[in-house]
């Protein structure tokens, strides 16, 4: 019991440390010791070797602590049960990771060379469960992927080589290597062989660094081949909370007013004429396509500022079977010329699986939306420039960003509505994701939020300008676009697949070798 308690305390500390790498704290180095602590939490000792059950328990507690600290904003206005329920559900994936990881750790604890192999296997096994968690069930929930806590980290350029999942695997490998080198017992071969796992990823990182830096910043020494003058509008909302929907007319008016103020500065010559004006998700929750008065107001705003407006609205289906969450490109008197219907809609928020069951269990579930997923490439064209669109939570999904960037987008727009999450860290966590995406695809990113934080992000992930939270604001920028896209844009999906396969192969190989059979300890101690 004492050994198990020590493992669980270590797992809890690991979860807390990994959380510290994410906003609002954002201390990216904390992820490394956090992941490193998982090695001694799972490793065999002289008197006790953890089995599958203990591994699952260690992973579960790690996940619970991590997600309870990361996503309390989920229950801000609907109740703590939503927050705790989501954290518990997400922790189950970490339990599955721990159940397999315990065998890989036991294999690698014996010697330096085996620790190197175990480090690679653990990183791939971690990546597999991030992929599963981000896609299943009901589309998944990739929030909290390791890469999103590394927006300021030194390994960020690796995102351009293999995507966010590759960056996460690199972080995992670094943390596990530290665990094997420093924290796990060096029972064979002394300190030199114990340090081998740490040296190996360091050498690989040094070899990859020049290539990754060149891919991330190919235009750092020259102007971009194309430019786009943009204006990001944050109209703000009258009140916080879930009654956002009851404020629809006021929210729309706020964005119209902020756009007309921009038009006045353009007319006065103090602000350049924009090529594109970006409004956030839900800027017009009065259906712009169905209400002529709203259409006239948006047309007038577009005409006044002299540019098309990309705006978030809703579009109910004619048969009443649901609603699209839509981003329209509205070009003056031509009206809506293009659209993106959000494809990755979130269960229990934008739609409700098993509606009858959950509504009977939790009356608040009746407030869940009835949105339906759209299709298409997620691209819109303005001033001859293809822009990608990832609406709100879509920025967390690799494929939602990769698809428009693969289709030729030179800039990524992230229209979002964070008003229902109050003054929580949610908006800052989403901003960090957008910064990672900028590096991953070598493209500037424009974040337009109803209530903040809106931002203009350069290709290297740095924030050029940003708004405060719950204030009206307009951000303008002259973007040098150049050639967007990276190796990750082209092969990121394949990298994710390869990592998942390697994770499974590593675990199966270890189990087949029989060196970590349940109930057997190479030290002669007991196994649970």
Protein backbone atom coordinates (compact mmCIF):
# COMPACT_ATOMS: atom_id res chain seq x y z
CA UNK A 1 0.00 0.00 0.00
CA UNK A 2 2.87 2.37 0.77
CA UNK A 3 4.39 1.74 -2.67
CA UNK A 4 1.04 2.30 -4.38
CA UNK A 5 0.45 5.53 -2.44
CA UNK A 6 3.88 6.81 -3.47
CA UNK A 7 3.09 6.05 -7.09
CA UNK A 8 -0.24 7.88 -6.90
CA UNK A 9 1.25 10.93 -5.19
CA UNK A 10 3.92 11.04 -7.91
CA UNK A 11 1.25 10.73 -10.62
CA UNK A 12 -0.76 13.60 -9.13
CA UNK A 13 2.34 15.79 -9.02
CA UNK A 14 3.05 14.88 -12.64
CA UNK A 15 -0.43 15.97 -13.72
CA UNK A 16 -0.09 19.28 -11.89
CA UNK A 17 3.29 20.00 -13.47
CA UNK A 18 2.09 19.28 -17.01
CA UNK A 19 -0.87 21.58 -16.39
CA UNK A 20 1.52 24.42 -15.51
CA UNK A 21 2.83 24.38 -19.09
CA UNK A 22 -0.59 25.55 -20.34
CA UNK A 23 -2.15 29.01 -20.02
CA UNK A 24 -2.87 30.84 -17.83
CA UNK A 25 0.46 29.86 -16.22
CA UNK A 26 2.16 28.95 -19.49
CA UNK A 27 5.48 27.82 -18.00
CA UNK A 28 6.36 25.43 -20.82
CA UNK A 29 9.40 23.75 -19.12
CA UNK A 30 7.07 22.27 -16.46
CA UNK A 31 5.83 19.65 -18.93
CA UNK A 32 9.26 17.97 -19.02
CA UNK A 33 9.59 17.11 -15.30
CA UNK A 34 5.86 16.39 -15.24
CA UNK A 35 6.20 13.69 -17.87
CA UNK A 36 9.47 12.52 -16.32
CA UNK A 37 7.67 11.79 -13.05
CA UNK A 38 5.48 9.26 -14.82
CA UNK A 39 8.53 7.00 -15.23
CA UNK A 40 9.19 6.42 -11.50
CA UNK A 41 5.43 6.31 -10.92
CA UNK A 42 5.28 3.29 -13.24
CA UNK A 43 8.75 1.78 -12.82
CA UNK A 44 9.46 -1.45 -10.92
CA UNK A 45 11.20 -1.22 -7.57
CA UNK A 46 13.14 -3.87 -5.68
CA UNK A 47 10.05 -4.90 -3.77
CA UNK A 48 7.23 -4.11 -6.13
CA UNK A 49 6.59 -4.13 -9.86
CA UNK A 50 3.48 -2.37 -11.04
CA UNK A 51 1.13 -4.32 -13.25
CA UNK A 52 -1.53 -3.29 -15.73
CA UNK A 53 -4.03 -2.31 -13.06
CA UNK A 54 -1.60 -0.07 -11.21
CA UNK A 55 -0.49 1.47 -14.49
CA UNK A 56 -4.10 2.32 -15.32
CA UNK A 57 -4.61 3.82 -11.86
CA UNK A 58 -1.48 5.95 -12.18
CA UNK A 59 -2.60 7.20 -15.60
CA UNK A 60 -6.10 7.87 -14.34
CA UNK A 61 -4.95 10.00 -11.42
CA UNK A 62 -2.48 11.87 -13.63
CA UNK A 63 -5.29 12.62 -16.07
CA UNK A 64 -7.77 13.63 -13.39
CA UNK A 65 -5.42 16.16 -11.82
CA UNK A 66 -4.36 17.53 -15.20
CA UNK A 67 -7.85 17.99 -16.61
CA UNK A 68 -9.45 19.18 -13.37
CA UNK A 69 -6.90 21.99 -13.36
CA UNK A 70 -7.11 22.64 -17.12
CA UNK A 71 -10.85 22.86 -17.87
CA UNK A 72 -12.81 24.25 -14.89
CA UNK A 73 -14.25 26.81 -17.33
CA UNK A 74 -16.46 24.05 -18.78
CA UNK A 75 -18.66 24.19 -15.69
CA UNK A 76 -18.52 27.93 -15.16
CA UNK A 77 -22.20 28.55 -15.91
CA UNK A 78 -23.67 25.06 -16.23
CA UNK A 79 -22.41 23.51 -12.99
CA UNK A 80 -19.38 21.69 -11.63
CA UNK A 81 -20.69 18.31 -12.76
CA UNK A 82 -19.90 19.24 -16.38
CA UNK A 83 -16.33 20.13 -15.45
CA UNK A 84 -15.78 17.02 -13.30
CA UNK A 85 -17.54 14.79 -15.81
CA UNK A 86 -15.40 15.97 -18.70
CA UNK A 87 -12.20 15.68 -16.65
CA UNK A 88 -13.12 12.13 -15.61
CA UNK A 89 -13.96 11.12 -19.18
CA UNK A 90 -10.69 12.53 -20.51
CA UNK A 91 -8.73 10.86 -17.70
CA UNK A 92 -9.93 7.47 -18.93
CA UNK A 93 -7.71 7.88 -22.00
CA UNK A 94 -4.73 8.50 -19.72
CA UNK A 95 -5.69 5.38 -17.77
CA UNK A 96 -5.49 3.40 -21.00
CA UNK A 97 -2.11 4.99 -21.69
CA UNK A 98 -0.88 4.03 -18.22
CA UNK A 99 -2.08 0.46 -18.56
CA UNK A 100 0.25 -0.07 -21.51
CA UNK A 101 2.99 2.34 -20.46
CA UNK A 102 3.73 0.39 -17.29
CA UNK A 103 5.05 -2.49 -19.40
CA UNK A 104 7.17 -0.23 -21.59
CA UNK A 105 8.65 1.46 -18.50
CA UNK A 106 9.45 -1.89 -16.90
CA UNK A 107 11.21 -2.97 -20.09
CA UNK A 108 13.27 0.22 -20.24
CA UNK A 109 14.21 0.34 -16.57
CA UNK A 110 16.86 -2.31 -16.94
CA UNK A 111 19.55 -0.62 -19.03
CA UNK A 112 20.45 2.43 -21.07
CA UNK A 113 19.94 0.93 -24.57
CA UNK A 114 16.60 -0.57 -23.59
CA UNK A 115 15.60 2.75 -22.05
CA UNK A 116 16.21 4.44 -25.41
CA UNK A 117 13.85 2.00 -27.12
CA UNK A 118 11.32 2.35 -24.30
CA UNK A 119 11.46 6.16 -24.55
CA UNK A 120 10.60 6.03 -28.25
CA UNK A 121 7.86 3.48 -27.64
CA UNK A 122 6.35 5.49 -24.80
CA UNK A 123 6.31 8.68 -26.87
CA UNK A 124 4.54 6.87 -29.72
CA UNK A 125 2.13 5.19 -27.28
CA UNK A 126 1.34 8.62 -25.80
CA UNK A 127 0.75 10.02 -29.28
CA UNK A 128 -1.66 7.20 -30.10
CA UNK A 129 -3.87 8.01 -27.12
CA UNK A 130 -3.81 11.71 -27.92
CA UNK A 131 -5.04 10.78 -31.40
CA UNK A 132 -7.80 8.56 -30.04
CA UNK A 133 -8.84 11.14 -27.47
CA UNK A 134 -8.97 13.79 -30.18
CA UNK A 135 -11.23 11.81 -32.50
CA UNK A 136 -13.44 9.38 -30.57
CA UNK A 137 -16.24 9.24 -29.57
CA UNK A 138 -18.47 11.86 -31.20
CA UNK A 139 -15.52 13.53 -32.86
CA UNK A 140 -13.31 13.62 -29.77
CA UNK A 141 -11.91 16.43 -27.65
CA UNK A 142 -8.23 17.24 -28.36
CA UNK A 143 -8.05 20.06 -25.81
CA UNK A 144 -4.97 19.60 -23.63
CA UNK A 145 -2.77 17.99 -26.29
CA UNK A 146 0.85 18.41 -25.20
CA UNK A 147 1.75 20.62 -28.16
CA UNK A 148 -0.72 23.29 -27.07
CA UNK A 149 1.26 23.93 -23.90
CA UNK A 150 4.40 24.68 -25.90
CA UNK A 151 3.54 27.90 -27.75
CA UNK A 152 6.56 29.59 -26.15
CA UNK A 153 8.74 26.48 -25.99
CA UNK A 154 12.08 25.79 -27.61
CA UNK A 155 10.81 22.75 -29.52
CA UNK A 156 7.96 24.64 -31.20
CA UNK A 157 9.65 24.66 -34.67
CA UNK A 158 9.27 20.87 -34.73
CA UNK A 159 5.55 21.41 -35.34
CA UNK A 160 6.46 22.37 -38.92
CA UNK A 161 8.13 19.01 -39.50
CA UNK A 162 5.33 16.68 -38.45
CA UNK A 163 2.47 18.67 -36.99
CA UNK A 164 1.15 19.20 -33.49
CA UNK A 165 1.08 15.46 -32.82
CA UNK A 166 4.77 15.17 -33.75
CA UNK A 167 5.63 18.10 -31.46
CA UNK A 168 3.70 16.41 -28.65
CA UNK A 169 5.55 13.15 -29.22
CA UNK A 170 8.88 15.01 -29.12
CA UNK A 171 7.91 16.61 -25.81
CA UNK A 172 6.80 13.25 -24.45
CA UNK A 173 10.06 11.62 -25.53
CA UNK A 174 12.07 14.37 -23.83
CA UNK A 175 10.15 14.02 -20.59
CA UNK A 176 10.34 10.23 -20.55
CA UNK A 177 14.05 10.37 -21.38
CA UNK A 178 14.61 12.59 -18.35
CA UNK A 179 12.61 10.13 -16.30
CA UNK A 180 14.73 7.18 -17.33
CA UNK A 181 17.99 9.11 -17.04
CA UNK A 182 17.51 10.92 -13.75
CA UNK A 183 14.54 9.62 -11.80
CA UNK A 184 14.33 5.91 -12.58
CA UNK A 185 16.85 3.67 -10.83
CA UNK A 186 20.03 3.10 -12.86
CA UNK A 187 20.37 -0.51 -11.87
CA UNK A 188 22.75 -1.61 -14.59
CA UNK A 189 25.76 0.06 -16.12
CA UNK A 190 26.16 3.13 -13.92
CA UNK A 191 25.49 6.76 -14.58
CA UNK A 192 26.82 6.85 -18.15
CA UNK A 193 24.42 4.25 -19.46
CA UNK A 194 21.62 5.75 -17.41
CA UNK A 195 22.15 9.06 -19.22
CA UNK A 196 21.88 7.46 -22.66
CA UNK A 197 18.10 8.00 -23.03
CA UNK A 198 18.54 11.72 -22.36
CA UNK A 199 21.45 12.12 -24.75
CA UNK A 200 19.68 10.41 -27.65
CA UNK A 201 16.69 12.80 -28.05
CA UNK A 202 19.03 15.74 -27.51
CA UNK A 203 21.20 14.60 -30.44
CA UNK A 204 18.12 14.05 -32.62
CA UNK A 205 16.81 17.54 -31.73
CA UNK A 206 20.15 19.12 -32.67
CA UNK A 207 20.10 17.35 -36.04
CA UNK A 208 16.50 18.38 -36.76
CA UNK A 209 16.77 21.97 -35.56
CA UNK A 210 18.32 23.61 -38.66
CA UNK A 211 15.78 21.99 -40.95
CA UNK A 212 12.84 22.85 -38.73
CA UNK A 213 13.90 26.48 -38.34
CA UNK A 214 14.25 26.89 -42.10
CA UNK A 215 10.81 25.38 -42.69
CA UNK A 216 9.14 27.59 -40.10
CA UNK A 217 10.68 30.86 -41.23
CA UNK A 218 11.39 30.59 -44.97
CA UNK A 219 10.54 34.28 -45.52
CA UNK A 220 12.19 35.76 -42.43
CA UNK A 221 14.82 37.65 -44.46
CA UNK A 222 12.61 38.97 -47.26
CA UNK A 223 9.17 40.42 -47.78
CA UNK A 224 6.33 38.07 -48.50
CA UNK A 225 5.28 37.50 -52.10
CA UNK A 226 1.69 38.53 -51.30
CA UNK A 227 0.26 40.95 -48.79
CA UNK A 228 -3.13 41.30 -47.17
CA UNK A 229 -4.41 44.30 -45.22
CA UNK A 230 -6.76 42.99 -42.53
CA UNK A 231 -8.95 44.33 -39.75
CA UNK A 232 -10.10 42.10 -36.89
CA UNK A 233 -13.26 43.31 -35.15
CA UNK A 234 -14.15 42.50 -31.54
CA UNK A 235 -17.54 44.01 -30.78
CA UNK A 236 -17.90 42.67 -27.21
CA UNK A 237 -21.10 41.50 -25.51
CA UNK A 238 -23.37 43.32 -23.04
CA UNK A 239 -23.28 40.64 -20.33
CA UNK A 240 -21.43 37.47 -19.39
CA UNK A 241 -22.95 34.03 -19.12
CA UNK A 242 -25.20 31.63 -20.96
CA UNK A 243 -27.78 34.31 -21.80
CA UNK A 244 -25.48 35.34 -24.65
CA UNK A 245 -28.14 34.15 -27.12
CA UNK A 246 -30.71 36.58 -25.68
CA UNK A 247 -28.34 39.44 -26.55
CA UNK A 248 -28.20 38.67 -30.26
CA UNK A 249 -29.34 42.05 -31.56
CA UNK A 250 -27.04 43.92 -29.18
CA UNK A 251 -24.00 41.80 -30.09
CA UNK A 252 -24.66 42.35 -33.80
CA UNK A 253 -25.01 46.09 -33.24
CA UNK A 254 -21.71 46.17 -31.34
CA UNK A 255 -19.91 44.66 -34.32
CA UNK A 256 -21.65 46.98 -36.76
CA UNK A 257 -20.71 50.00 -34.64
CA UNK A 258 -17.07 48.94 -34.33
CA UNK A 259 -16.90 48.41 -38.10
CA UNK A 260 -18.39 51.84 -38.82
CA UNK A 261 -15.83 53.41 -36.49
CA UNK A 262 -13.15 51.65 -38.52
CA UNK A 263 -14.77 53.00 -41.71
CA UNK A 264 -14.53 56.54 -40.33
CA UNK A 265 -10.79 56.13 -39.75
CA UNK A 266 -10.39 54.70 -43.24
CA UNK A 267 -12.26 57.65 -44.73
CA UNK A 268 -10.09 60.06 -42.73
CA UNK A 269 -6.96 58.40 -44.08
CA UNK A 270 -5.63 57.40 -40.65
CA UNK A 271 -6.16 53.69 -41.29
CA UNK A 272 -5.43 51.85 -44.55
CA UNK A 273 -8.34 50.43 -46.54
CA UNK A 274 -8.56 46.75 -45.51
CA UNK A 275 -8.75 43.88 -47.95
CA UNK A 276 -10.68 41.82 -45.42
CA UNK A 277 -12.62 42.56 -42.24
CA UNK A 278 -12.98 39.62 -39.89
CA UNK A 279 -15.88 39.33 -37.45
CA UNK A 280 -16.08 36.51 -34.88
CA UNK A 281 -18.27 33.47 -34.57
CA UNK A 282 -21.83 34.39 -33.54
CA UNK A 283 -21.28 38.05 -34.38
CA UNK A 284 -24.73 37.87 -36.00
CA UNK A 285 -26.70 35.21 -34.20
CA UNK A 286 -29.69 36.81 -35.86
CA UNK A 287 -29.71 34.70 -39.05
CA UNK A 288 -28.16 37.04 -41.60
CA UNK A 289 -29.41 34.98 -44.54
CA UNK A 290 -33.03 35.02 -43.37
CA UNK A 291 -33.55 38.53 -41.99
CA UNK A 292 -33.51 41.24 -44.70
CA UNK A 293 -32.95 44.07 -42.21
CA UNK A 294 -29.77 42.39 -40.93
CA UNK A 295 -28.57 41.76 -44.48
CA UNK A 296 -28.98 45.46 -45.27
CA UNK A 297 -27.02 46.46 -42.17
CA UNK A 298 -24.12 44.14 -43.00
CA UNK A 299 -24.11 45.30 -46.62
CA UNK A 300 -23.96 48.91 -45.47
CA UNK A 301 -21.06 48.17 -43.12
CA UNK A 302 -19.14 46.37 -45.87
CA UNK A 303 -19.75 49.23 -48.28
CA UNK A 304 -18.71 51.82 -45.70
CA UNK A 305 -15.38 50.15 -44.93
CA UNK A 306 -14.74 49.24 -48.55
CA UNK A 307 -14.02 45.56 -47.93
CA UNK A 308 -15.74 42.19 -47.63
CA UNK A 309 -16.66 41.07 -44.13
CA UNK A 310 -16.14 37.51 -42.96
CA UNK A 311 -18.80 37.09 -40.28
CA UNK A 312 -20.19 34.39 -38.06
CA UNK A 313 -23.91 33.70 -38.16
CA UNK A 314 -26.35 30.80 -37.95
CA UNK A 315 -28.32 29.22 -40.77
CA UNK A 316 -31.27 27.02 -39.75
CA UNK A 317 -32.09 24.18 -42.10
CA UNK A 318 -35.32 24.56 -44.04
CA UNK A 319 -36.71 21.31 -42.63
CA UNK A 320 -36.03 22.37 -39.04
CA UNK A 321 -33.70 19.41 -38.52
CA UNK A 322 -30.82 21.50 -37.24
CA UNK A 323 -28.71 24.59 -37.75
CA UNK A 324 -25.40 25.37 -39.42
CA UNK A 325 -22.78 27.40 -37.56
CA UNK A 326 -21.72 29.46 -40.56
CA UNK A 327 -18.95 31.88 -41.47
CA UNK A 328 -20.04 34.01 -44.43
CA UNK A 329 -17.92 36.17 -46.71
CA UNK A 330 -20.14 39.21 -47.32
CA UNK A 331 -18.97 41.44 -50.17
CA UNK A 332 -20.97 44.68 -50.13
CA UNK A 333 -23.98 44.74 -52.42
CA UNK A 334 -23.02 41.30 -53.76
CA UNK A 335 -23.98 39.94 -50.36
CA UNK A 336 -22.77 36.52 -49.19
CA UNK A 337 -20.43 35.16 -51.84
CA UNK A 338 -18.81 32.25 -49.95
CA UNK A 339 -19.40 30.31 -46.74
CA UNK A 340 -17.81 27.85 -44.32
CA UNK A 341 -20.13 25.67 -42.26
CA UNK A 342 -18.41 24.48 -39.12
CA UNK A 343 -17.54 20.79 -39.51
CA UNK A 344 -16.22 19.86 -36.07
CA UNK A 345 -19.14 20.58 -33.76
CA UNK A 346 -18.79 19.87 -30.07
CA UNK A 347 -20.98 17.31 -28.29
CA UNK A 348 -22.86 18.47 -25.19
CA UNK A 349 -22.49 22.08 -26.31
CA UNK A 350 -23.33 22.52 -29.97
CA UNK A 351 -25.20 19.23 -30.19
CA UNK A 352 -26.31 16.54 -27.77
CA UNK A 353 -25.77 12.82 -28.35
CA UNK A 354 -28.35 10.53 -26.77
CA UNK A 355 -30.50 13.61 -26.22
CA UNK A 356 -33.44 11.92 -24.50
CA UNK A 357 -31.15 10.15 -22.03
CA UNK A 358 -29.06 13.17 -21.08
CA UNK A 359 -31.99 15.58 -20.90
CA UNK A 360 -33.76 13.22 -18.50
CA UNK A 361 -30.62 12.95 -16.38
CA UNK A 362 -29.52 16.61 -16.51
CA UNK A 363 -32.20 19.24 -17.27
CA UNK A 364 -29.49 21.76 -18.21
CA UNK A 365 -28.74 19.51 -21.19
CA UNK A 366 -31.84 20.97 -22.85
CA UNK A 367 -29.76 24.10 -23.53
CA UNK A 368 -27.39 22.16 -25.82
CA UNK A 369 -27.61 23.25 -29.43
CA UNK A 370 -28.92 21.40 -32.43
CA UNK A 371 -26.11 22.24 -34.82
CA UNK A 372 -25.24 19.93 -37.68
CA UNK A 373 -21.80 19.57 -39.29
CA UNK A 374 -21.06 21.12 -42.63
CA UNK A 375 -18.67 19.97 -45.32
CA UNK A 376 -16.23 21.63 -47.65
CA UNK A 377 -12.58 22.61 -47.53
CA UNK A 378 -12.82 25.44 -45.00
CA UNK A 379 -11.45 28.00 -47.46
CA UNK A 380 -12.75 31.46 -48.39
CA UNK A 381 -11.24 33.87 -50.93
CA UNK A 382 -10.77 37.59 -50.37
CA UNK A 383 -8.76 40.05 -52.49
CA UNK A 384 -7.30 37.14 -54.44
CA UNK A 385 -6.00 35.48 -51.26
CA UNK A 386 -7.27 32.11 -50.06
CA UNK A 387 -8.00 32.18 -46.34
CA UNK A 388 -8.56 29.14 -44.15
CA UNK A 389 -11.28 29.09 -41.53
CA UNK A 390 -11.25 27.11 -38.29
CA UNK A 391 -14.24 28.20 -36.24
CA UNK A 392 -13.70 28.30 -32.46
CA UNK A 393 -12.99 24.77 -31.17
CA UNK A 394 -12.05 23.65 -34.69
CA UNK A 395 -8.58 25.13 -34.14
CA UNK A 396 -7.92 22.29 -31.68
CA UNK A 397 -8.50 19.66 -34.41
CA UNK A 398 -5.47 18.94 -36.59
CA UNK A 399 -7.51 18.05 -39.65
CA UNK A 400 -9.75 21.12 -39.38
CA UNK A 401 -6.67 23.31 -39.83
CA UNK A 402 -4.66 21.04 -42.11
CA UNK A 403 -7.42 20.73 -44.72
CA UNK A 404 -7.73 24.42 -45.68
CA UNK A 405 -3.97 24.91 -45.47
CA UNK A 406 -3.50 21.94 -47.81
CA UNK A 407 -6.03 23.53 -50.17
CA UNK A 408 -3.82 26.58 -50.63
CA UNK A 409 -4.82 28.91 -47.81
CA UNK A 410 -2.18 31.54 -47.04
CA UNK A 411 -3.67 32.81 -43.80
CA UNK A 412 -5.77 31.08 -41.15
CA UNK A 413 -8.75 32.80 -39.52
CA UNK A 414 -10.13 31.65 -36.19
CA UNK A 415 -13.51 33.29 -35.53
CA UNK A 416 -14.59 32.35 -32.04
CA UNK A 417 -17.14 33.10 -29.34
CA UNK A 418 -15.74 32.78 -25.82
CA UNK A 419 -18.35 34.92 -24.09
CA UNK A 420 -19.98 31.90 -22.44
CA UNK A 421 -16.72 31.13 -20.60
CA UNK A 422 -16.41 34.45 -18.80
CA UNK A 423 -13.03 35.60 -17.48
CA UNK A 424 -11.68 32.05 -17.51
CA UNK A 425 -8.39 30.78 -19.02
CA UNK A 426 -10.28 29.20 -21.92
CA UNK A 427 -9.61 32.06 -24.34
CA UNK A 428 -5.89 32.09 -23.49
CA UNK A 429 -5.61 28.34 -24.02
CA UNK A 430 -7.28 28.75 -27.40
CA UNK A 431 -4.89 31.57 -28.28
CA UNK A 432 -1.95 29.26 -27.54
CA UNK A 433 -3.40 26.70 -29.97
CA UNK A 434 -3.62 29.35 -32.68
CA UNK A 435 0.04 30.24 -32.11
CA UNK A 436 1.07 26.61 -32.54
CA UNK A 437 -0.99 26.39 -35.75
CA UNK A 438 0.82 29.45 -37.17
CA UNK A 439 4.17 27.68 -36.82
CA UNK A 440 2.82 24.31 -37.90
CA UNK A 441 1.69 25.72 -41.26
CA UNK A 442 3.94 28.77 -41.68
CA UNK A 443 0.94 31.09 -41.95
CA UNK A 444 -0.28 34.13 -40.04
CA UNK A 445 -3.35 33.52 -37.91
CA UNK A 446 -6.16 35.96 -37.18
CA UNK A 447 -8.23 35.31 -34.07
CA UNK A 448 -11.51 37.22 -33.88
CA UNK A 449 -13.44 36.76 -30.64
CA UNK A 450 -16.75 38.28 -29.66
CA UNK A 451 -15.39 39.27 -26.26
CA UNK A 452 -11.65 38.49 -26.37
CA UNK A 453 -8.94 37.63 -26.72
CA UNK A 454 -8.63 38.61 -30.39
CA UNK A 455 -5.14 38.59 -31.89
CA UNK A 456 -2.94 38.90 -34.95
CA UNK A 457 -0.32 36.13 -34.90
CA UNK A 458 2.75 36.04 -37.14
CA UNK A 459 4.08 32.93 -38.87
CA UNK A 460 6.61 32.27 -36.10
CA UNK A 461 3.84 32.10 -33.49
CA UNK A 462 4.55 35.51 -31.98
CA UNK A 463 1.57 37.73 -31.16
CA UNK A 464 1.83 40.97 -33.11
CA UNK A 465 -1.20 42.57 -31.48
CA UNK A 466 -4.05 41.47 -29.23
CA UNK A 467 -7.13 42.84 -27.55
CA UNK A 468 -8.10 42.74 -23.93
CA UNK A 469 -10.98 40.63 -22.73
CA UNK A 470 -14.54 41.99 -22.64
CA UNK A 471 -13.83 45.19 -24.50
CA UNK A 472 -14.52 46.53 -27.98
CA UNK A 473 -11.45 46.57 -30.18
CA UNK A 474 -10.20 46.66 -33.76
CA UNK A 475 -6.85 45.16 -34.70
CA UNK A 476 -5.35 46.08 -38.06
CA UNK A 477 -2.33 44.55 -39.74
CA UNK A 478 -0.52 44.43 -43.06
CA UNK A 479 0.30 40.75 -43.45
CA UNK A 480 3.21 39.45 -45.49
CA UNK A 481 1.90 36.10 -46.61
CA UNK A 482 4.48 34.50 -48.90
CA UNK A 483 4.26 30.76 -49.38
CA UNK A 484 2.31 29.13 -46.59
CA UNK A 485 2.56 25.45 -45.85
CA UNK A 486 5.23 23.19 -44.41
CA UNK A 487 6.27 19.57 -44.40
CA UNK A 488 3.66 19.09 -41.67
CA UNK A 489 0.96 20.51 -43.93
CA UNK A 490 1.75 17.81 -46.48
CA UNK A 491 2.50 14.76 -44.33
CA UNK A 492 1.16 15.55 -40.86
CA UNK A 493 -1.64 13.02 -41.17
CA UNK A 494 0.81 10.29 -42.15
CA UNK A 495 3.13 11.20 -39.27
CA UNK A 496 0.24 10.80 -36.84
CA UNK A 497 -0.60 7.39 -38.31
CA UNK A 498 2.99 6.21 -38.14
CA UNK A 499 3.32 7.31 -34.52
CA UNK A 500 0.16 5.41 -33.59
CA UNK A 501 1.34 2.25 -35.31
CA UNK A 502 4.76 2.50 -33.65
CA UNK A 503 3.09 2.82 -30.26
CA UNK A 504 1.10 -0.37 -30.75
CA UNK A 505 4.09 -2.24 -32.19
CA UNK A 506 6.31 -1.18 -29.28
CA UNK A 507 3.86 -2.41 -26.66
CA UNK A 508 3.13 -5.67 -28.46
CA UNK A 509 6.84 -6.34 -28.92
CA UNK A 510 7.53 -5.81 -25.22
CA UNK A 511 4.68 -8.07 -24.20
CA UNK A 512 5.76 -10.79 -26.63
CA UNK A 513 9.29 -10.75 -25.25
CA UNK A 514 7.77 -11.77 -21.97
CA UNK A 515 10.10 -9.56 -19.94
CA UNK A 516 7.24 -7.79 -18.22
CA UNK A 517 4.77 -10.65 -17.78
CA UNK A 518 2.14 -9.90 -15.10
CA UNK A 519 3.03 -11.57 -11.83
CA UNK A 520 6.75 -11.85 -12.58
CA UNK A 521 9.40 -9.46 -11.35
CA UNK A 522 12.96 -9.46 -12.58
CA UNK A 523 14.00 -8.25 -9.15
CA UNK A 524 12.16 -10.99 -7.37
CA UNK A 525 9.64 -8.59 -5.84
CA UNK A 526 5.88 -8.94 -6.07
CA UNK A 527 3.72 -7.56 -8.87
CA UNK A 528 0.14 -6.49 -8.44
